[in-house]
């Protein structure tokens, strides 16, 4: 049922081209409400950043440890490769084995003299 005093006038809702629609004026409480809303969002972002920062620091620390371990690993792999070559040479190359025995073990053949030069 319609109110008999209600008159639906569509012209009151339309704005003519010459007139600009007015923005509703905000009172002080509405302005303060918007400011508080922005402050709350900023505080939420700060809390989120504070909660996530220890995890980021932990991740950076683990990443640096991983890089250090990778460096150690590559050094150990190079050492293993060097030892494998030396092992292969000691088994297969008689001249290399003789040179190592003379150098490291101070061995000599009969009639030879060893002269060591200390560095």
C-alpha atoms as a PDB file:
ATOM      1  CA  UNK A   1       0.000   0.000   0.000  1.00  0.00           C
ATOM      2  CA  UNK A   2       1.354   3.390  -0.937  1.00  0.00           C
ATOM      3  CA  UNK A   3       1.501   6.430   1.210  1.00  0.00           C
ATOM      4  CA  UNK A   4      -0.934   8.984  -0.235  1.00  0.00           C
ATOM      5  CA  UNK A   5       1.375  11.856   0.689  1.00  0.00           C
ATOM      6  CA  UNK A   6       4.344  10.319  -1.129  1.00  0.00           C
ATOM      7  CA  UNK A   7       4.921  11.860  -4.524  1.00  0.00           C
ATOM      8  CA  UNK A   8       7.439  10.256  -6.781  1.00  0.00           C
ATOM      9  CA  UNK A   9       9.030  13.074  -8.716  1.00  0.00           C
ATOM     10  CA  UNK A  10      11.894  11.844 -10.925  1.00  0.00           C
ATOM     11  CA  UNK A  11      13.063  15.403 -11.596  1.00  0.00           C
ATOM     12  CA  UNK A  12      14.265  15.778  -8.035  1.00  0.00           C
ATOM     13  CA  UNK A  13      16.761  12.951  -8.534  1.00  0.00           C
ATOM     14  CA  UNK A  14      18.095  14.123 -11.841  1.00  0.00           C
ATOM     15  CA  UNK A  15      20.646  16.856 -12.122  1.00  0.00           C
ATOM     16  CA  UNK A  16      20.595  19.183 -15.026  1.00  0.00           C
ATOM     17  CA  UNK A  17      23.765  19.663 -17.030  1.00  0.00           C
ATOM     18  CA  UNK A  18      24.280  23.187 -15.703  1.00  0.00           C
ATOM     19  CA  UNK A  19      24.260  22.166 -12.080  1.00  0.00           C
ATOM     20  CA  UNK A  20      26.935  19.980 -10.575  1.00  0.00           C
ATOM     21  CA  UNK A  21      25.832  17.367  -8.130  1.00  0.00           C
ATOM     22  CA  UNK A  22      26.736  18.348  -4.621  1.00  0.00           C
ATOM     23  CA  UNK A  23      28.913  16.143  -2.527  1.00  0.00           C
ATOM     24  CA  UNK A  24      27.474  15.500   0.838  1.00  0.00           C
ATOM     25  CA  UNK A  25      29.425  17.372   3.447  1.00  0.00           C
ATOM     26  CA  UNK A  26      31.096  15.154   5.986  1.00  0.00           C
ATOM     27  CA  UNK A  27      30.900  16.105   9.581  1.00  0.00           C
ATOM     28  CA  UNK A  28      33.868  15.845  11.934  1.00  0.00           C
ATOM     29  CA  UNK A  29      32.953  12.374  13.159  1.00  0.00           C
ATOM     30  CA  UNK A  30      32.764  10.966   9.669  1.00  0.00           C
ATOM     31  CA  UNK A  31      36.152  12.487   8.843  1.00  0.00           C
ATOM     32  CA  UNK A  32      37.642  11.088  12.049  1.00  0.00           C
ATOM     33  CA  UNK A  33      36.138   7.708  11.237  1.00  0.00           C
ATOM     34  CA  UNK A  34      37.886   7.636   7.869  1.00  0.00           C
ATOM     35  CA  UNK A  35      41.182   8.733   9.419  1.00  0.00           C
ATOM     36  CA  UNK A  36      40.879   5.998  12.050  1.00  0.00           C
ATOM     37  CA  UNK A  37      40.123   3.457   9.353  1.00  0.00           C
ATOM     38  CA  UNK A  38      43.327   4.388   7.528  1.00  0.00           C
ATOM     39  CA  UNK A  39      45.309   4.254  10.772  1.00  0.00           C
ATOM     40  CA  UNK A  40      43.924   0.805  11.530  1.00  0.00           C
ATOM     41  CA  UNK A  41      44.918  -0.462   8.070  1.00  0.00           C
ATOM     42  CA  UNK A  42      48.427   0.935   8.475  1.00  0.00           C
ATOM     43  CA  UNK A  43      48.731  -0.679  11.908  1.00  0.00           C
ATOM     44  CA  UNK A  44      47.551  -4.010  10.524  1.00  0.00           C
ATOM     45  CA  UNK A  45      50.188  -3.834   7.812  1.00  0.00           C
ATOM     46  CA  UNK A  46      52.867  -3.025  10.412  1.00  0.00           C
ATOM     47  CA  UNK A  47      51.774  -5.933  12.627  1.00  0.00           C
ATOM     48  CA  UNK A  48      51.875  -8.264   9.648  1.00  0.00           C
ATOM     49  CA  UNK A  49      55.369  -7.043   8.738  1.00  0.00           C
ATOM     50  CA  UNK A  50      56.519  -7.483  12.339  1.00  0.00           C
ATOM     51  CA  UNK A  51      55.183 -11.036  12.428  1.00  0.00           C
ATOM     52  CA  UNK A  52      56.775 -12.023   9.140  1.00  0.00           C
ATOM     53  CA  UNK A  53      60.194 -10.368   9.624  1.00  0.00           C
ATOM     54  CA  UNK A  54      61.690 -13.092  11.921  1.00  0.00           C
ATOM     55  CA  UNK A  55      60.809 -15.708   9.343  1.00  0.00           C
ATOM     56  CA  UNK A  56      62.446 -13.663   6.597  1.00  0.00           C
ATOM     57  CA  UNK A  57      65.588 -13.233   8.696  1.00  0.00           C
ATOM     58  CA  UNK A  58      65.642 -16.960   9.415  1.00  0.00           C
ATOM     59  CA  UNK A  59      65.282 -17.682   5.710  1.00  0.00           C
ATOM     60  CA  UNK A  60      68.177 -15.324   4.864  1.00  0.00           C
ATOM     61  CA  UNK A  61      70.359 -16.999   7.508  1.00  0.00           C
ATOM     62  CA  UNK A  62      69.554 -20.452   6.145  1.00  0.00           C
ATOM     63  CA  UNK A  63      70.272 -19.258   2.615  1.00  0.00           C
ATOM     64  CA  UNK A  64      73.708 -17.959   3.632  1.00  0.00           C
ATOM     65  CA  UNK A  65      74.451 -21.252   5.419  1.00  0.00           C
ATOM     66  CA  UNK A  66      73.393 -23.131   2.299  1.00  0.00           C
ATOM     67  CA  UNK A  67      75.755 -21.043   0.168  1.00  0.00           C
ATOM     68  CA  UNK A  68      78.607 -21.704   2.601  1.00  0.00           C
ATOM     69  CA  UNK A  69      77.906 -25.441   2.549  1.00  0.00           C
ATOM     70  CA  UNK A  70      77.772 -25.423  -1.249  1.00  0.00           C
ATOM     71  CA  UNK A  71      81.213 -23.787  -1.310  1.00  0.00           C
ATOM     72  CA  UNK A  72      82.581 -26.439   1.073  1.00  0.00           C
ATOM     73  CA  UNK A  73      80.952 -29.151  -1.008  1.00  0.00           C
ATOM     74  CA  UNK A  74      82.514 -27.920  -4.252  1.00  0.00           C
ATOM     75  CA  UNK A  75      85.923 -27.733  -2.529  1.00  0.00           C
ATOM     76  CA  UNK A  76      85.553 -31.291  -1.268  1.00  0.00           C
ATOM     77  CA  UNK A  77      84.479 -32.498  -4.709  1.00  0.00           C
ATOM     78  CA  UNK A  78      87.605 -30.936  -6.240  1.00  0.00           C
ATOM     79  CA  UNK A  79      89.738 -32.630  -3.576  1.00  0.00           C
ATOM     80  CA  UNK A  80      88.064 -35.993  -4.250  1.00  0.00           C
ATOM     81  CA  UNK A  81      88.699 -35.617  -7.974  1.00  0.00           C
ATOM     82  CA  UNK A  82      92.355 -34.801  -7.313  1.00  0.00           C
ATOM     83  CA  UNK A  83      92.733 -37.851  -5.067  1.00  0.00           C
ATOM     84  CA  UNK A  84      91.035 -40.088  -7.646  1.00  0.00           C
ATOM     85  CA  UNK A  85      93.469 -38.921 -10.330  1.00  0.00           C
ATOM     86  CA  UNK A  86      96.392 -39.515  -7.987  1.00  0.00           C
ATOM     87  CA  UNK A  87      95.064 -42.969  -7.108  1.00  0.00           C
ATOM     88  CA  UNK A  88      94.657 -43.839 -10.781  1.00  0.00           C
ATOM     89  CA  UNK A  89      98.172 -42.599 -11.533  1.00  0.00           C
ATOM     90  CA  UNK A  90      99.656 -44.543  -8.615  1.00  0.00           C
ATOM     91  CA  UNK A  91      98.008 -47.741  -9.802  1.00  0.00           C
ATOM     92  CA  UNK A  92      98.653 -47.428 -13.539  1.00  0.00           C
ATOM     93  CA  UNK A  93     101.679 -45.147 -14.024  1.00  0.00           C
ATOM     94  CA  UNK A  94     104.951 -46.641 -12.753  1.00  0.00           C
ATOM     95  CA  UNK A  95     106.998 -43.485 -13.369  1.00  0.00           C
ATOM     96  CA  UNK A  96     104.498 -41.389 -11.367  1.00  0.00           C
ATOM     97  CA  UNK A  97     104.600 -43.889  -8.509  1.00  0.00           C
ATOM     98  CA  UNK A  98     108.402 -43.814  -8.506  1.00  0.00           C
ATOM     99  CA  UNK A  99     108.434 -39.986  -8.508  1.00  0.00           C
ATOM    100  CA  UNK A 100     106.004 -39.871  -5.576  1.00  0.00           C
ATOM    101  CA  UNK A 101     108.027 -42.457  -3.635  1.00  0.00           C
ATOM    102  CA  UNK A 102     111.220 -40.483  -4.122  1.00  0.00           C
ATOM    103  CA  UNK A 103     109.609 -37.148  -3.272  1.00  0.00           C
ATOM    104  CA  UNK A 104     107.384 -38.026  -0.328  1.00  0.00           C
ATOM    105  CA  UNK A 105     109.104 -41.030   1.188  1.00  0.00           C
ATOM    106  CA  UNK A 106     112.689 -39.914   0.515  1.00  0.00           C
ATOM    107  CA  UNK A 107     113.493 -43.194  -1.204  1.00  0.00           C
ATOM    108  CA  UNK A 108     116.430 -43.589  -3.537  1.00  0.00           C
ATOM    109  CA  UNK A 109     117.938 -46.147  -5.867  1.00  0.00           C
ATOM    110  CA  UNK A 110     121.296 -47.687  -5.210  1.00  0.00           C
ATOM    111  CA  UNK A 111     124.087 -45.290  -6.024  1.00  0.00           C
ATOM    112  CA  UNK A 112     121.891 -42.190  -6.004  1.00  0.00           C
ATOM    113  CA  UNK A 113     122.274 -39.274  -3.689  1.00  0.00           C
ATOM    114  CA  UNK A 114     119.313 -37.193  -2.537  1.00  0.00           C
ATOM    115  CA  UNK A 115     119.764 -33.490  -2.282  1.00  0.00           C
ATOM    116  CA  UNK A 116     116.854 -31.710  -0.592  1.00  0.00           C
ATOM    117  CA  UNK A 117     116.241 -28.064  -1.099  1.00  0.00           C
ATOM    118  CA  UNK A 118     114.173 -26.601   1.709  1.00  0.00           C
ATOM    119  CA  UNK A 119     111.827 -23.809   0.862  1.00  0.00           C
END
